[in-house]
C-alpha cells in the first residue's frame, strides 16, 4: 500500500437547531415549570394529586414540536491550508491585538495566545466552507450574517459546532492518544544522574 492509497476522512459533526424561538421558549418554560413543580411536591406538606404527569405531557408535546421543526446543521473539517488562507484573509484588527495585549494574563479564563483571525469577519466564510448541510453559498452566509435575522445565540452555537467541535483540532498537532503519563525521557534530569 502506498501513501496515496491511505484514505483520510475529515471530522464531521452535526447538531439540530430550533430556529423557531416560540417553540424553543415553550420547551424551556415547560421544563422549568416541571422542575419547579417537582421541588414543590417534594416538600412534606404537599397533598395528593400531582401535577407532574400533566406537566410531563406538556414537555413531551413541546419536544415533539421542536424536534419536527429543528434544522440539522452538518459540518465537516476543512483542510488546514484552507484554514490558513481564511486566517490570512481575515487577520485580527489592531484593536483586537491591543485588547489581547492589555488583558489580564493571570486570569485562567483568558486565552493566552494572540488572536489568529478576526472573529467578526471570518464567521460567514468559515461556515460557508465547513457547513455541508443545509447547502448555502458564501454570499448566502454573508447575507444571513449581515442581515441580523438570526440571534447571537444561534451564531454562537454554530460557531461552537463549526470551530470548537469540528475545525479547531485541524490546526493543532494530534496527541495520538499517548496520554499524559510521564516517561523517563520527559522527566527533567536530576543533578544526581
N, C-alpha and C. Protein backbone atom coordinates (compact mmCIF):
# COMPACT_ATOMS: atom_id res chain seq x y z
N UNK A 1 0.85 -1.17 0.00
CA UNK A 1 0.00 0.00 0.00
C UNK A 1 0.90 1.24 0.00
N UNK A 2 0.58 2.17 -0.83
CA UNK A 2 1.37 3.40 -0.90
C UNK A 2 0.69 4.50 -0.09
N UNK A 3 1.42 5.56 0.14
CA UNK A 3 0.92 6.69 0.91
C UNK A 3 -0.34 7.27 0.28
N UNK A 4 -0.37 7.38 -1.02
CA UNK A 4 -1.53 7.96 -1.70
C UNK A 4 -2.77 7.08 -1.59
N UNK A 5 -2.60 5.80 -1.24
CA UNK A 5 -3.73 4.90 -1.08
C UNK A 5 -4.41 5.03 0.28
N UNK A 6 -3.71 5.70 1.21
CA UNK A 6 -4.28 5.87 2.55
C UNK A 6 -5.38 6.91 2.48
N UNK A 7 -6.54 6.55 2.91
CA UNK A 7 -7.66 7.48 2.87
C UNK A 7 -7.78 8.26 4.16
N UNK A 8 -8.19 9.50 4.03
CA UNK A 8 -8.41 10.34 5.20
C UNK A 8 -9.85 10.82 5.16
N UNK A 9 -10.54 10.66 6.27
CA UNK A 9 -11.90 11.15 6.36
C UNK A 9 -11.92 12.28 7.37
N UNK A 10 -12.20 13.49 6.89
CA UNK A 10 -12.22 14.63 7.82
C UNK A 10 -13.33 14.49 8.85
N UNK A 11 -13.10 15.12 9.98
CA UNK A 11 -14.05 15.10 11.08
C UNK A 11 -15.37 15.70 10.62
N UNK A 12 -16.47 15.09 11.05
CA UNK A 12 -17.82 15.61 10.79
C UNK A 12 -18.58 15.69 12.10
N UNK A 13 -19.39 16.71 12.19
CA UNK A 13 -20.26 16.88 13.35
C UNK A 13 -21.59 17.43 12.87
N UNK A 14 -22.63 17.16 13.64
CA UNK A 14 -23.93 17.73 13.31
C UNK A 14 -24.66 18.07 14.60
N UNK A 15 -25.59 18.98 14.46
CA UNK A 15 -26.40 19.39 15.59
C UNK A 15 -27.72 19.92 15.07
N UNK A 16 -28.77 19.64 15.80
CA UNK A 16 -30.09 20.15 15.44
C UNK A 16 -30.31 21.49 16.12
N UNK A 17 -30.82 22.45 15.35
CA UNK A 17 -31.09 23.79 15.84
C UNK A 17 -32.58 24.07 15.75
N UNK A 18 -33.12 24.59 16.83
CA UNK A 18 -34.51 25.03 16.84
C UNK A 18 -34.48 26.51 16.46
N UNK A 19 -34.83 26.80 15.22
CA UNK A 19 -34.78 28.17 14.74
C UNK A 19 -36.07 28.94 15.01
N UNK A 20 -37.06 28.25 15.56
CA UNK A 20 -38.33 28.89 15.92
C UNK A 20 -38.27 29.21 17.41
N UNK A 21 -38.06 30.49 17.74
CA UNK A 21 -37.91 30.88 19.14
C UNK A 21 -39.16 30.60 19.97
N UNK A 22 -40.34 30.66 19.35
CA UNK A 22 -41.57 30.37 20.09
C UNK A 22 -41.55 28.93 20.60
N UNK A 23 -41.17 28.01 19.73
CA UNK A 23 -41.10 26.60 20.13
C UNK A 23 -40.01 26.38 21.18
N UNK A 24 -38.87 27.04 21.00
CA UNK A 24 -37.77 26.90 21.96
C UNK A 24 -38.18 27.41 23.33
N UNK A 25 -38.84 28.56 23.37
CA UNK A 25 -39.27 29.15 24.64
C UNK A 25 -40.34 28.28 25.30
N UNK A 26 -41.27 27.76 24.52
CA UNK A 26 -42.30 26.87 25.08
C UNK A 26 -41.67 25.65 25.74
N UNK A 27 -40.66 25.09 25.10
CA UNK A 27 -39.97 23.92 25.66
C UNK A 27 -39.23 24.30 26.94
N UNK A 28 -38.51 25.41 26.93
CA UNK A 28 -37.78 25.85 28.12
C UNK A 28 -38.74 26.12 29.28
N UNK A 29 -39.87 26.78 28.99
CA UNK A 29 -40.84 27.08 30.05
C UNK A 29 -41.48 25.81 30.60
N UNK A 30 -41.79 24.86 29.73
CA UNK A 30 -42.38 23.59 30.19
C UNK A 30 -41.41 22.86 31.11
N UNK A 31 -40.14 22.84 30.74
CA UNK A 31 -39.14 22.17 31.58
C UNK A 31 -38.97 22.88 32.91
N UNK A 32 -38.93 24.22 32.89
CA UNK A 32 -38.77 24.99 34.13
C UNK A 32 -39.97 24.79 35.05
N UNK A 33 -41.16 24.78 34.48
CA UNK A 33 -42.35 24.58 35.30
C UNK A 33 -42.36 23.18 35.92
N UNK A 34 -41.92 22.20 35.16
CA UNK A 34 -41.85 20.82 35.68
C UNK A 34 -40.87 20.74 36.84
N UNK A 35 -39.72 21.37 36.72
CA UNK A 35 -38.72 21.36 37.80
C UNK A 35 -39.27 22.05 39.04
N UNK A 36 -39.91 23.20 38.85
CA UNK A 36 -40.48 23.93 40.00
C UNK A 36 -41.57 23.11 40.68
N UNK A 37 -42.41 22.45 39.90
CA UNK A 37 -43.49 21.64 40.47
C UNK A 37 -42.93 20.44 41.22
N UNK A 38 -41.88 19.83 40.66
CA UNK A 38 -41.26 18.67 41.32
C UNK A 38 -40.68 19.08 42.67
N UNK A 39 -40.04 20.26 42.74
CA UNK A 39 -39.50 20.75 44.00
C UNK A 39 -40.62 21.02 45.00
N UNK A 40 -41.71 21.61 44.51
CA UNK A 40 -42.82 21.93 45.39
C UNK A 40 -43.47 20.66 45.94
N UNK A 41 -43.63 19.66 45.08
CA UNK A 41 -44.26 18.42 45.52
C UNK A 41 -43.35 17.59 46.41
N UNK A 42 -42.08 17.87 46.43
CA UNK A 42 -41.16 17.14 47.28
C UNK A 42 -41.25 17.59 48.74
N UNK A 43 -41.84 18.75 48.95
CA UNK A 43 -41.99 19.23 50.33
C UNK A 43 -42.94 18.31 51.09
N UNK A 44 -42.76 18.23 52.38
CA UNK A 44 -43.57 17.34 53.21
C UNK A 44 -45.04 17.72 53.25
N UNK A 45 -45.36 19.01 53.13
CA UNK A 45 -46.74 19.44 53.28
C UNK A 45 -47.55 19.35 51.98
N UNK A 46 -46.97 18.76 50.95
CA UNK A 46 -47.68 18.64 49.67
C UNK A 46 -48.77 17.57 49.79
N UNK A 47 -49.94 17.91 49.33
CA UNK A 47 -51.07 16.97 49.37
C UNK A 47 -51.05 16.01 48.19
N UNK A 48 -52.14 15.29 48.03
CA UNK A 48 -52.27 14.34 46.93
C UNK A 48 -52.59 15.07 45.63
N UNK A 49 -52.52 14.39 44.52
CA UNK A 49 -52.89 14.97 43.24
C UNK A 49 -51.74 15.68 42.56
N UNK A 50 -50.74 14.95 42.14
CA UNK A 50 -49.57 15.52 41.49
C UNK A 50 -49.91 16.11 40.12
N UNK A 51 -49.30 17.24 39.82
CA UNK A 51 -49.44 17.87 38.51
C UNK A 51 -48.32 17.44 37.56
N UNK A 52 -47.40 16.61 38.06
CA UNK A 52 -46.23 16.25 37.26
C UNK A 52 -46.57 15.49 35.97
N UNK A 53 -47.51 14.54 35.98
CA UNK A 53 -47.83 13.87 34.71
C UNK A 53 -48.35 14.84 33.64
N UNK A 54 -49.16 15.79 34.05
CA UNK A 54 -49.68 16.79 33.10
C UNK A 54 -48.55 17.66 32.55
N UNK A 55 -47.63 18.05 33.44
CA UNK A 55 -46.50 18.88 33.01
C UNK A 55 -45.53 18.08 32.14
N UNK A 56 -45.36 16.78 32.44
CA UNK A 56 -44.50 15.95 31.59
C UNK A 56 -45.10 15.82 30.20
N UNK A 57 -46.42 15.72 30.13
CA UNK A 57 -47.10 15.65 28.82
C UNK A 57 -46.83 16.94 28.04
N UNK A 58 -46.85 18.07 28.72
CA UNK A 58 -46.57 19.36 28.07
C UNK A 58 -45.14 19.38 27.53
N UNK A 59 -44.19 18.85 28.33
CA UNK A 59 -42.79 18.77 27.87
C UNK A 59 -42.69 17.89 26.63
N UNK A 60 -43.33 16.72 26.69
CA UNK A 60 -43.27 15.78 25.56
C UNK A 60 -43.81 16.41 24.28
N UNK A 61 -44.93 17.13 24.39
CA UNK A 61 -45.52 17.79 23.22
C UNK A 61 -44.61 18.90 22.69
N UNK A 62 -44.01 19.66 23.61
CA UNK A 62 -43.10 20.74 23.20
C UNK A 62 -41.84 20.16 22.55
N UNK A 63 -41.33 19.05 23.08
CA UNK A 63 -40.15 18.41 22.49
C UNK A 63 -40.46 17.88 21.10
N UNK A 64 -41.63 17.29 20.92
CA UNK A 64 -42.02 16.77 19.61
C UNK A 64 -42.12 17.89 18.59
N UNK A 65 -42.78 18.99 18.97
CA UNK A 65 -42.91 20.13 18.06
C UNK A 65 -41.54 20.72 17.72
N UNK A 66 -40.67 20.82 18.71
CA UNK A 66 -39.34 21.37 18.49
C UNK A 66 -38.52 20.44 17.59
N UNK A 67 -38.60 19.13 17.84
CA UNK A 67 -37.86 18.15 17.04
C UNK A 67 -38.32 18.19 15.58
N UNK A 68 -39.63 18.31 15.36
CA UNK A 68 -40.16 18.36 13.99
C UNK A 68 -39.74 19.62 13.26
N UNK A 69 -39.56 20.71 13.98
CA UNK A 69 -39.19 21.99 13.36
C UNK A 69 -37.68 22.20 13.30
N UNK A 70 -36.91 21.35 13.96
CA UNK A 70 -35.46 21.54 14.04
C UNK A 70 -34.80 21.39 12.67
N UNK A 71 -33.73 22.14 12.50
CA UNK A 71 -32.92 22.07 11.29
C UNK A 71 -31.58 21.46 11.68
N UNK A 72 -31.17 20.45 10.95
CA UNK A 72 -29.89 19.80 11.24
C UNK A 72 -28.78 20.47 10.44
N UNK A 73 -27.75 20.95 11.15
CA UNK A 73 -26.57 21.51 10.51
C UNK A 73 -25.47 20.47 10.58
N UNK A 74 -24.92 20.13 9.43
CA UNK A 74 -23.84 19.16 9.34
C UNK A 74 -22.62 19.90 8.83
N UNK A 75 -21.51 19.74 9.54
CA UNK A 75 -20.29 20.41 9.09
C UNK A 75 -19.15 19.41 9.04
N UNK A 76 -18.17 19.77 8.23
CA UNK A 76 -17.01 18.91 8.02
C UNK A 76 -15.76 19.77 8.13
N UNK A 77 -14.75 19.23 8.77
CA UNK A 77 -13.48 19.95 8.93
C UNK A 77 -12.89 20.24 7.56
N UNK A 78 -12.38 21.45 7.43
CA UNK A 78 -11.74 21.82 6.17
C UNK A 78 -10.23 21.66 6.31
N UNK A 79 -9.53 21.46 5.22
CA UNK A 79 -8.07 21.25 5.31
C UNK A 79 -7.36 22.44 5.95
N UNK A 80 -6.27 22.17 6.63
CA UNK A 80 -5.55 23.22 7.36
C UNK A 80 -5.05 24.33 6.46
N UNK A 81 -4.67 24.01 5.23
CA UNK A 81 -4.21 25.07 4.34
C UNK A 81 -5.35 26.02 3.98
N UNK A 82 -6.59 25.50 3.90
CA UNK A 82 -7.74 26.38 3.65
C UNK A 82 -8.02 27.25 4.87
N UNK A 83 -7.83 26.69 6.06
CA UNK A 83 -7.98 27.50 7.28
C UNK A 83 -6.94 28.61 7.31
N UNK A 84 -5.72 28.28 6.97
CA UNK A 84 -4.66 29.30 6.96
C UNK A 84 -5.00 30.40 5.96
N UNK A 85 -5.55 30.02 4.80
CA UNK A 85 -5.96 31.03 3.82
C UNK A 85 -7.03 31.95 4.42
N UNK A 86 -7.99 31.35 5.13
CA UNK A 86 -9.03 32.16 5.78
C UNK A 86 -8.43 33.09 6.83
N UNK A 87 -7.50 32.58 7.62
CA UNK A 87 -6.85 33.41 8.64
C UNK A 87 -6.14 34.59 7.98
N UNK A 88 -5.47 34.33 6.86
CA UNK A 88 -4.76 35.39 6.15
C UNK A 88 -5.72 36.41 5.54
N UNK A 89 -6.88 35.95 5.10
CA UNK A 89 -7.88 36.85 4.52
C UNK A 89 -8.61 37.66 5.59
N UNK A 90 -8.61 37.17 6.84
CA UNK A 90 -9.32 37.83 7.94
C UNK A 90 -8.40 37.97 9.15
N UNK A 91 -7.34 38.77 9.01
CA UNK A 91 -6.40 38.92 10.13
C UNK A 91 -7.04 39.72 11.27
N UNK A 92 -6.55 39.51 12.48
CA UNK A 92 -7.08 40.30 13.61
C UNK A 92 -6.81 41.78 13.38
N UNK A 93 -7.71 42.60 13.86
CA UNK A 93 -7.52 44.04 13.74
C UNK A 93 -6.50 44.51 14.77
N UNK A 94 -6.00 45.70 14.57
CA UNK A 94 -5.05 46.26 15.53
C UNK A 94 -5.73 46.43 16.89
N UNK A 95 -7.03 46.76 16.88
CA UNK A 95 -7.77 46.88 18.14
C UNK A 95 -7.85 45.55 18.87
N UNK A 96 -8.09 44.46 18.13
CA UNK A 96 -8.15 43.14 18.75
C UNK A 96 -6.80 42.74 19.32
N UNK A 97 -5.74 43.07 18.62
CA UNK A 97 -4.40 42.76 19.12
C UNK A 97 -4.07 43.59 20.35
N UNK A 98 -4.46 44.86 20.35
CA UNK A 98 -4.25 45.72 21.52
C UNK A 98 -5.04 45.21 22.72
N UNK A 99 -6.27 44.80 22.47
CA UNK A 99 -7.10 44.25 23.56
C UNK A 99 -6.45 43.00 24.13
N UNK A 100 -5.89 42.16 23.27
CA UNK A 100 -5.20 40.96 23.73
C UNK A 100 -4.00 41.33 24.59
N UNK A 101 -3.25 42.35 24.17
CA UNK A 101 -2.05 42.77 24.91
C UNK A 101 -2.39 43.30 26.29
N UNK A 102 -3.55 43.91 26.44
CA UNK A 102 -3.91 44.54 27.72
C UNK A 102 -4.72 43.64 28.64
N UNK A 103 -5.06 42.44 28.20
CA UNK A 103 -5.86 41.58 29.07
C UNK A 103 -5.04 41.02 30.22
N UNK A 104 -5.75 40.62 31.26
CA UNK A 104 -5.12 40.08 32.47
C UNK A 104 -4.65 38.66 32.20
N UNK A 105 -3.37 38.48 32.01
CA UNK A 105 -2.81 37.15 31.69
C UNK A 105 -2.87 36.19 32.88
N UNK A 106 -3.16 36.71 34.07
CA UNK A 106 -3.25 35.85 35.25
C UNK A 106 -4.64 35.25 35.42
N UNK A 107 -5.60 35.72 34.63
CA UNK A 107 -6.96 35.21 34.71
C UNK A 107 -7.02 33.88 33.95
N UNK A 108 -7.38 32.78 34.62
CA UNK A 108 -7.39 31.48 33.95
C UNK A 108 -8.46 31.36 32.87
N UNK A 109 -9.41 32.28 32.82
CA UNK A 109 -10.47 32.22 31.81
C UNK A 109 -10.07 32.90 30.50
N UNK A 110 -8.93 33.53 30.48
CA UNK A 110 -8.49 34.27 29.30
C UNK A 110 -7.48 33.44 28.52
N UNK A 111 -7.67 33.40 27.21
CA UNK A 111 -6.76 32.68 26.33
C UNK A 111 -5.45 33.46 26.23
N UNK A 112 -4.35 32.77 26.35
CA UNK A 112 -3.03 33.40 26.36
C UNK A 112 -2.55 33.73 24.94
N UNK A 113 -2.89 32.87 23.96
CA UNK A 113 -2.39 33.08 22.61
C UNK A 113 -3.02 34.32 21.98
N UNK A 114 -2.27 35.01 21.13
CA UNK A 114 -2.86 36.16 20.44
C UNK A 114 -3.90 35.68 19.42
N UNK A 115 -4.85 36.52 19.08
CA UNK A 115 -5.86 36.10 18.11
C UNK A 115 -5.21 35.84 16.75
N UNK A 116 -5.66 34.77 16.09
CA UNK A 116 -5.11 34.41 14.78
C UNK A 116 -5.95 34.96 13.64
N UNK A 117 -7.18 35.38 13.97
CA UNK A 117 -8.09 35.85 12.92
C UNK A 117 -9.07 36.84 13.52
N UNK A 118 -9.79 37.51 12.64
CA UNK A 118 -10.81 38.47 13.05
C UNK A 118 -12.15 37.73 13.15
N UNK A 119 -12.57 37.48 14.35
CA UNK A 119 -13.81 36.75 14.60
C UNK A 119 -15.00 37.43 13.94
N UNK A 120 -15.00 38.75 13.91
CA UNK A 120 -16.14 39.50 13.38
C UNK A 120 -16.33 39.32 11.88
N UNK A 121 -15.26 39.04 11.15
CA UNK A 121 -15.39 38.93 9.70
C UNK A 121 -15.28 37.51 9.17
N UNK A 122 -14.66 36.62 9.91
CA UNK A 122 -14.39 35.28 9.38
C UNK A 122 -15.61 34.34 9.42
N UNK A 123 -16.53 34.60 10.34
CA UNK A 123 -17.63 33.65 10.56
C UNK A 123 -18.34 33.17 9.29
N UNK A 124 -18.95 34.04 8.49
CA UNK A 124 -19.71 33.51 7.36
C UNK A 124 -18.84 32.76 6.35
N UNK A 125 -17.58 33.13 6.24
CA UNK A 125 -16.69 32.47 5.28
C UNK A 125 -16.28 31.08 5.79
N UNK A 126 -16.02 30.99 7.07
CA UNK A 126 -15.71 29.69 7.67
C UNK A 126 -16.91 28.76 7.58
N UNK A 127 -18.09 29.31 7.88
CA UNK A 127 -19.31 28.49 7.81
C UNK A 127 -19.56 28.02 6.38
N UNK A 128 -19.34 28.89 5.40
CA UNK A 128 -19.57 28.52 4.01
C UNK A 128 -18.67 27.37 3.58
N UNK A 129 -17.45 27.34 4.10
CA UNK A 129 -16.53 26.26 3.75
C UNK A 129 -16.80 24.97 4.52
N UNK A 130 -17.31 25.09 5.73
CA UNK A 130 -17.42 23.93 6.60
C UNK A 130 -18.82 23.31 6.66
N UNK A 131 -19.87 24.12 6.61
CA UNK A 131 -21.23 23.58 6.71
C UNK A 131 -21.60 22.97 5.37
N UNK A 132 -21.90 21.66 5.38
CA UNK A 132 -22.26 20.98 4.14
C UNK A 132 -23.77 20.75 4.03
N UNK A 133 -24.47 20.83 5.14
CA UNK A 133 -25.94 20.78 5.13
C UNK A 133 -26.45 21.73 6.19
N UNK A 134 -27.40 22.56 5.89
CA UNK A 134 -28.01 22.81 4.59
C UNK A 134 -27.02 23.51 3.66
N UNK A 135 -27.17 23.27 2.37
CA UNK A 135 -26.27 23.86 1.39
C UNK A 135 -26.53 25.36 1.29
N UNK A 136 -25.44 26.13 1.23
CA UNK A 136 -25.54 27.57 1.06
C UNK A 136 -24.24 28.10 0.48
N UNK A 137 -24.35 29.13 -0.31
CA UNK A 137 -23.16 29.75 -0.90
C UNK A 137 -22.53 30.72 0.09
N UNK A 138 -21.33 31.17 -0.23
CA UNK A 138 -20.67 32.17 0.60
C UNK A 138 -21.55 33.42 0.68
N UNK A 139 -22.08 33.84 -0.45
CA UNK A 139 -22.93 35.04 -0.47
C UNK A 139 -24.15 34.89 0.43
N UNK A 140 -24.75 33.69 0.45
CA UNK A 140 -25.91 33.46 1.32
C UNK A 140 -25.52 33.56 2.79
N UNK A 141 -24.36 32.98 3.14
CA UNK A 141 -23.90 33.05 4.53
C UNK A 141 -23.61 34.49 4.93
N UNK A 142 -22.95 35.24 4.05
CA UNK A 142 -22.62 36.63 4.35
C UNK A 142 -23.91 37.44 4.51
N UNK A 143 -24.86 37.24 3.59
CA UNK A 143 -26.12 37.97 3.68
C UNK A 143 -26.86 37.66 4.98
N UNK A 144 -26.91 36.38 5.35
CA UNK A 144 -27.61 35.98 6.58
C UNK A 144 -26.92 36.58 7.80
N UNK A 145 -25.60 36.54 7.80
CA UNK A 145 -24.85 37.07 8.94
C UNK A 145 -25.04 38.59 9.07
N UNK A 146 -24.96 39.28 7.95
CA UNK A 146 -25.06 40.74 7.97
C UNK A 146 -26.49 41.23 8.18
N UNK A 147 -27.49 40.41 7.85
CA UNK A 147 -28.89 40.83 7.99
C UNK A 147 -29.31 40.98 9.45
N UNK A 148 -28.69 40.20 10.32
CA UNK A 148 -29.06 40.25 11.73
C UNK A 148 -30.35 39.52 12.06
N UNK A 149 -30.84 38.71 11.12
CA UNK A 149 -32.10 37.99 11.35
C UNK A 149 -31.97 36.91 12.42
N UNK A 150 -30.81 36.28 12.50
CA UNK A 150 -30.62 35.24 13.50
C UNK A 150 -30.04 35.87 14.76
N UNK A 151 -30.40 35.29 15.88
CA UNK A 151 -29.91 35.80 17.17
C UNK A 151 -28.43 35.47 17.36
N UNK A 152 -27.82 36.20 18.27
CA UNK A 152 -26.42 35.91 18.62
C UNK A 152 -26.29 34.50 19.19
N UNK A 153 -27.32 34.03 19.86
CA UNK A 153 -27.29 32.68 20.44
C UNK A 153 -27.14 31.63 19.34
N UNK A 154 -27.83 31.80 18.23
CA UNK A 154 -27.72 30.84 17.12
C UNK A 154 -26.32 30.90 16.52
N UNK A 155 -25.81 32.11 16.27
CA UNK A 155 -24.47 32.24 15.71
C UNK A 155 -23.42 31.65 16.65
N UNK A 156 -23.61 31.83 17.95
CA UNK A 156 -22.66 31.28 18.91
C UNK A 156 -22.69 29.76 18.89
N UNK A 157 -23.89 29.17 18.85
CA UNK A 157 -23.98 27.70 18.78
C UNK A 157 -23.37 27.18 17.49
N UNK A 158 -23.60 27.89 16.38
CA UNK A 158 -22.99 27.48 15.11
C UNK A 158 -21.47 27.57 15.20
N UNK A 159 -20.97 28.65 15.82
CA UNK A 159 -19.52 28.81 15.99
C UNK A 159 -18.94 27.64 16.77
N UNK A 160 -19.60 27.26 17.86
CA UNK A 160 -19.12 26.14 18.68
C UNK A 160 -19.10 24.86 17.86
N UNK A 161 -20.15 24.63 17.07
CA UNK A 161 -20.20 23.43 16.23
C UNK A 161 -19.12 23.46 15.16
N UNK A 162 -19.02 24.56 14.43
CA UNK A 162 -18.11 24.63 13.29
C UNK A 162 -16.65 24.77 13.72
N UNK A 163 -16.40 25.62 14.71
CA UNK A 163 -15.00 25.85 15.10
C UNK A 163 -14.55 24.89 16.20
N UNK A 164 -15.18 24.97 17.38
CA UNK A 164 -14.71 24.20 18.53
C UNK A 164 -14.80 22.70 18.31
N UNK A 165 -15.94 22.23 17.80
CA UNK A 165 -16.15 20.79 17.68
C UNK A 165 -15.61 20.19 16.39
N UNK A 166 -15.42 21.01 15.36
CA UNK A 166 -15.06 20.44 14.06
C UNK A 166 -13.70 20.88 13.54
N UNK A 167 -13.42 22.19 13.50
CA UNK A 167 -12.22 22.67 12.82
C UNK A 167 -11.04 23.00 13.72
N UNK A 168 -11.27 23.30 14.97
CA UNK A 168 -10.17 23.73 15.85
C UNK A 168 -9.06 22.69 15.91
N UNK A 169 -9.42 21.44 15.96
CA UNK A 169 -8.44 20.36 16.04
C UNK A 169 -7.57 20.23 14.80
N UNK A 170 -8.02 20.77 13.67
CA UNK A 170 -7.26 20.69 12.43
C UNK A 170 -5.99 21.51 12.54
N UNK A 171 -6.01 22.55 13.37
CA UNK A 171 -4.86 23.44 13.47
C UNK A 171 -3.89 23.05 14.58
N UNK A 172 -4.20 21.99 15.33
CA UNK A 172 -3.31 21.56 16.41
C UNK A 172 -2.75 20.19 16.10
N UNK A 173 -1.61 19.90 16.65
CA UNK A 173 -0.99 18.59 16.41
C UNK A 173 -1.75 17.51 17.16
N UNK A 174 -1.93 16.35 16.55
CA UNK A 174 -2.63 15.26 17.24
C UNK A 174 -1.78 14.68 18.35
N UNK A 175 -2.47 14.20 19.40
CA UNK A 175 -1.75 13.56 20.51
C UNK A 175 -1.62 12.07 20.29
N UNK A 176 -2.39 11.53 19.38
CA UNK A 176 -2.37 10.10 19.07
C UNK A 176 -2.69 9.24 20.27
N UNK A 177 -3.40 9.81 21.24
CA UNK A 177 -3.83 9.05 22.40
C UNK A 177 -2.71 8.62 23.31
N UNK A 178 -1.62 9.35 23.35
CA UNK A 178 -0.48 8.92 24.17
C UNK A 178 -0.67 9.24 25.63
N UNK A 179 -1.69 10.03 25.96
CA UNK A 179 -1.95 10.33 27.35
C UNK A 179 -0.96 11.32 27.93
N UNK A 180 -1.01 11.45 29.26
CA UNK A 180 -0.15 12.44 29.89
C UNK A 180 0.78 11.81 30.93
N UNK A 181 0.90 10.51 30.91
CA UNK A 181 1.78 9.85 31.88
C UNK A 181 3.23 10.22 31.57
N UNK A 182 4.00 10.41 32.63
CA UNK A 182 5.41 10.77 32.46
C UNK A 182 6.20 9.54 32.00
N UNK A 183 7.13 9.81 31.14
CA UNK A 183 8.04 8.77 30.71
C UNK A 183 9.44 9.20 31.14
N UNK A 184 10.38 8.28 31.22
CA UNK A 184 11.72 8.67 31.64
C UNK A 184 12.29 9.78 30.77
N UNK A 185 11.97 9.80 29.49
CA UNK A 185 12.52 10.83 28.60
C UNK A 185 11.90 12.19 28.86
N UNK A 186 10.70 12.22 29.46
CA UNK A 186 10.05 13.51 29.67
C UNK A 186 10.32 14.10 31.05
N UNK A 187 10.88 13.30 31.94
CA UNK A 187 11.20 13.82 33.26
C UNK A 187 12.48 14.65 33.19
N UNK A 188 12.52 15.73 33.96
CA UNK A 188 13.77 16.50 33.96
C UNK A 188 14.92 15.67 34.56
N UNK A 189 16.08 15.89 34.05
CA UNK A 189 17.24 15.14 34.54
C UNK A 189 17.65 15.75 35.89
N UNK A 190 17.76 14.89 36.90
CA UNK A 190 18.15 15.39 38.20
C UNK A 190 19.68 15.53 38.26
N UNK A 191 20.19 16.41 39.14
CA UNK A 191 21.63 16.62 39.21
C UNK A 191 22.40 15.35 39.63
N UNK A 192 21.71 14.39 40.24
CA UNK A 192 22.42 13.19 40.69
C UNK A 192 22.56 12.17 39.59
N UNK A 193 21.94 12.37 38.47
CA UNK A 193 22.03 11.38 37.41
C UNK A 193 23.25 11.59 36.56
